[in-house]
Protein backbone atom coordinates (compact mmCIF):
# COMPACT_ATOMS: atom_id res chain seq x y z
CA UNK A 1 -29.18 23.75 -8.74
CA UNK A 2 -29.02 20.01 -9.66
CA UNK A 3 -25.55 17.52 -8.26
CA UNK A 4 -24.83 14.07 -8.54
CA UNK A 5 -22.45 12.68 -6.49
CA UNK A 6 -20.36 9.61 -7.63
CA UNK A 7 -20.26 6.32 -5.12
CA UNK A 8 -16.91 7.10 -4.00
CA UNK A 9 -18.02 10.92 -2.44
CA UNK A 10 -20.76 9.00 -0.16
CA UNK A 11 -17.75 6.41 0.77
CA UNK A 12 -15.07 8.81 1.81
CA UNK A 13 -18.10 10.73 3.87
CA UNK A 14 -18.43 7.89 5.61
CA UNK A 15 -15.08 6.24 6.61
CA UNK A 16 -13.76 9.79 7.56
CA UNK A 17 -15.31 12.94 9.08
CA UNK A 18 -12.49 15.01 8.69
CA UNK A 19 -12.73 15.36 4.78
CA UNK A 20 -14.95 17.67 2.29
CA UNK A 21 -17.02 14.87 1.11
CA UNK A 22 -18.57 14.64 5.20
CA UNK A 23 -18.57 18.23 4.80
CA UNK A 24 -20.48 17.98 1.54
CA UNK A 25 -22.64 15.28 2.83
CA UNK A 26 -24.05 16.92 5.90
CA UNK A 27 -24.25 20.24 3.44
CA UNK A 28 -26.55 18.00 1.29
CA UNK A 29 -28.81 16.35 4.52
CA UNK A 30 -29.41 20.75 6.29
CA UNK A 31 -30.65 21.58 2.53
CA UNK A 32 -34.11 22.52 2.57
CA UNK A 33 -34.49 21.30 -1.17
CA UNK A 34 -33.66 18.20 -2.63
CA UNK A 35 -30.19 18.63 -4.32
CA UNK A 36 -28.92 15.15 -5.02
CA UNK A 37 -29.99 13.07 -8.23
CA UNK A 38 -30.15 9.60 -8.13
CA UNK A 39 -31.39 7.00 -9.89
CA UNK A 40 -32.52 3.31 -9.04
CA UNK A 41 -28.88 2.00 -11.07
CA UNK A 42 -27.30 3.99 -8.81
CA UNK A 43 -28.75 3.00 -5.73
CA UNK A 44 -28.21 -0.08 -6.15
CA UNK A 45 -24.82 0.21 -6.84
CA UNK A 46 -24.69 3.04 -4.10
CA UNK A 47 -25.59 -0.14 -1.37
CA UNK A 48 -23.31 -2.53 -3.60
CA UNK A 49 -20.06 -0.59 -2.85
CA UNK A 50 -20.84 0.25 0.65
CA UNK A 51 -21.57 -2.97 2.05
CA UNK A 52 -18.70 -4.84 0.29
CA UNK A 53 -16.57 -6.49 3.21
CA UNK A 54 -13.37 -4.17 2.14
CA UNK A 55 -15.60 -1.74 2.18
CA UNK A 56 -16.96 -2.78 5.70
CA UNK A 57 -13.63 -2.68 7.57
CA UNK A 58 -13.45 0.42 6.97
CA UNK A 59 -15.89 1.77 8.60
CA UNK A 60 -16.41 -0.57 11.52
CA UNK A 61 -18.55 1.87 13.48
CA UNK A 62 -21.34 0.83 11.01
CA UNK A 63 -23.65 -2.13 11.18
CA UNK A 64 -25.14 -3.57 7.73
CA UNK A 65 -28.78 -1.62 8.96
CA UNK A 66 -26.71 1.71 9.87
CA UNK A 67 -25.70 1.82 6.32
CA UNK A 68 -28.99 0.70 4.65
CA UNK A 69 -30.87 3.40 6.75
CA UNK A 70 -28.07 5.63 5.28
CA UNK A 71 -29.02 4.51 1.81
CA UNK A 72 -32.36 5.03 2.34
CA UNK A 73 -31.98 8.26 3.92
CA UNK A 74 -29.85 9.08 0.70
CA UNK A 75 -32.95 8.30 -1.08
CA UNK A 76 -35.45 11.14 0.77
CA UNK A 77 -32.97 13.73 0.36
CA UNK A 78 -32.80 13.33 -3.58
CA UNK A 79 -34.97 13.51 -6.23
CA UNK A 80 -35.32 10.54 -7.89
CA UNK A 81 -34.48 10.65 -11.65
CA UNK A 82 -35.71 8.14 -14.44
CA UNK A 83 -33.23 6.95 -16.87
CA UNK A 84 -34.32 7.68 -19.92
CA UNK A 85 -31.04 7.35 -22.68
CA UNK A 86 -28.08 5.15 -22.03
CA UNK A 87 -24.50 6.92 -22.80
CA UNK A 88 -22.63 3.96 -22.84
CA UNK A 89 -19.59 3.21 -23.43
CA UNK A 90 -18.09 6.55 -23.24
CA UNK A 91 -16.43 5.84 -19.98
CA UNK A 92 -13.81 2.84 -19.42
CA UNK A 93 -15.61 1.88 -16.39
CA UNK A 94 -19.01 0.58 -17.17
CA UNK A 95 -20.06 1.64 -13.23
CA UNK A 96 -18.74 5.40 -14.36
CA UNK A 97 -21.05 5.26 -17.36
CA UNK A 98 -23.62 4.76 -14.83
CA UNK A 99 -23.21 8.36 -12.76
CA UNK A 100 -22.90 10.10 -16.06
CA UNK A 101 -25.63 8.85 -17.75
CA UNK A 102 -27.44 10.34 -14.55
CA UNK A 103 -26.15 13.17 -14.74
CA UNK A 104 -27.25 13.87 -18.32
CA UNK A 105 -30.71 12.67 -17.09
CA UNK A 106 -30.94 14.81 -14.51
CA UNK A 107 -29.66 18.23 -16.38
CA UNK A 108 -27.26 18.08 -13.21
CA UNK A 109 -25.41 21.32 -12.96
CA UNK A 110 -22.21 19.26 -11.00
CA UNK A 111 -20.72 15.68 -11.11
CA UNK A 112 -19.21 15.30 -7.97
CA UNK A 113 -16.64 12.71 -8.00
CA UNK A 114 -12.93 11.59 -7.06
CA UNK A 115 -12.21 10.06 -10.09
CA UNK A 116 -11.61 13.27 -12.20
CA UNK A 117 -9.74 11.48 -14.66
CA UNK A 118 -11.85 8.65 -15.45
CA UNK A 119 -14.32 11.50 -16.62
CA UNK A 120 -11.71 13.47 -18.21
CA UNK A 121 -12.86 12.10 -22.04
CA UNK A 122 -16.31 13.39 -21.75
CA UNK A 123 -15.42 17.13 -19.82
CA UNK A 124 -17.25 19.89 -21.71
CA UNK A 125 -19.48 17.88 -24.03
CA UNK A 126 -22.09 17.99 -21.43
CA UNK A 127 -23.53 20.48 -19.71
CA UNK A 128 -22.61 19.75 -16.18
CA UNK A 129 -19.45 20.81 -13.80
CA UNK A 130 -16.44 18.01 -12.97
CA UNK A 131 -15.61 19.04 -9.77
CA UNK A 132 -14.34 17.28 -6.70
CA UNK A 133 -16.40 17.48 -3.37
CA UNK A 134 -13.71 20.09 -1.99
CA UNK A 135 -13.94 22.01 -5.15
CA UNK A 136 -17.73 22.08 -5.23
CA UNK A 137 -17.62 23.61 -1.69
CA UNK A 138 -15.51 26.38 -2.60
CA UNK A 139 -17.97 27.17 -5.30
CA UNK A 140 -20.43 27.33 -2.97
CA UNK A 141 -18.61 29.07 -0.17
CA UNK A 142 -19.05 26.66 1.92
CA UNK A 143 -15.75 25.99 2.39
CA UNK A 144 -12.08 28.04 2.31
């Protein structure tokens, strides 16, 4: 199984330890195989998102170096996917196109995001399931 988690899932996991995104991230780190996929553009976008001042205000418990280490850890538990083909523009937000390209190039089984509405235009056009963290965890039997 291969999955791609949108940057909003990683951000949500760090800003609250109560939600499904936090459970999902813990679950990913506990797996014995690399299920998550990343690309260089994805990691650069994740770094930008996590280090934005408005997002840093939402997680004052983390220093910048903590967030950079977290990104390094994500790289360690993930499959690194080269991007051979760009699928632009298919979604109105170019940063969502980058997540879509990662999912398509990685041949992901799941694209996990809170922006379901933004990806509705491409739902069913590719061979991955579009879902929220909670729906994914329920499908995997991690949550009821």
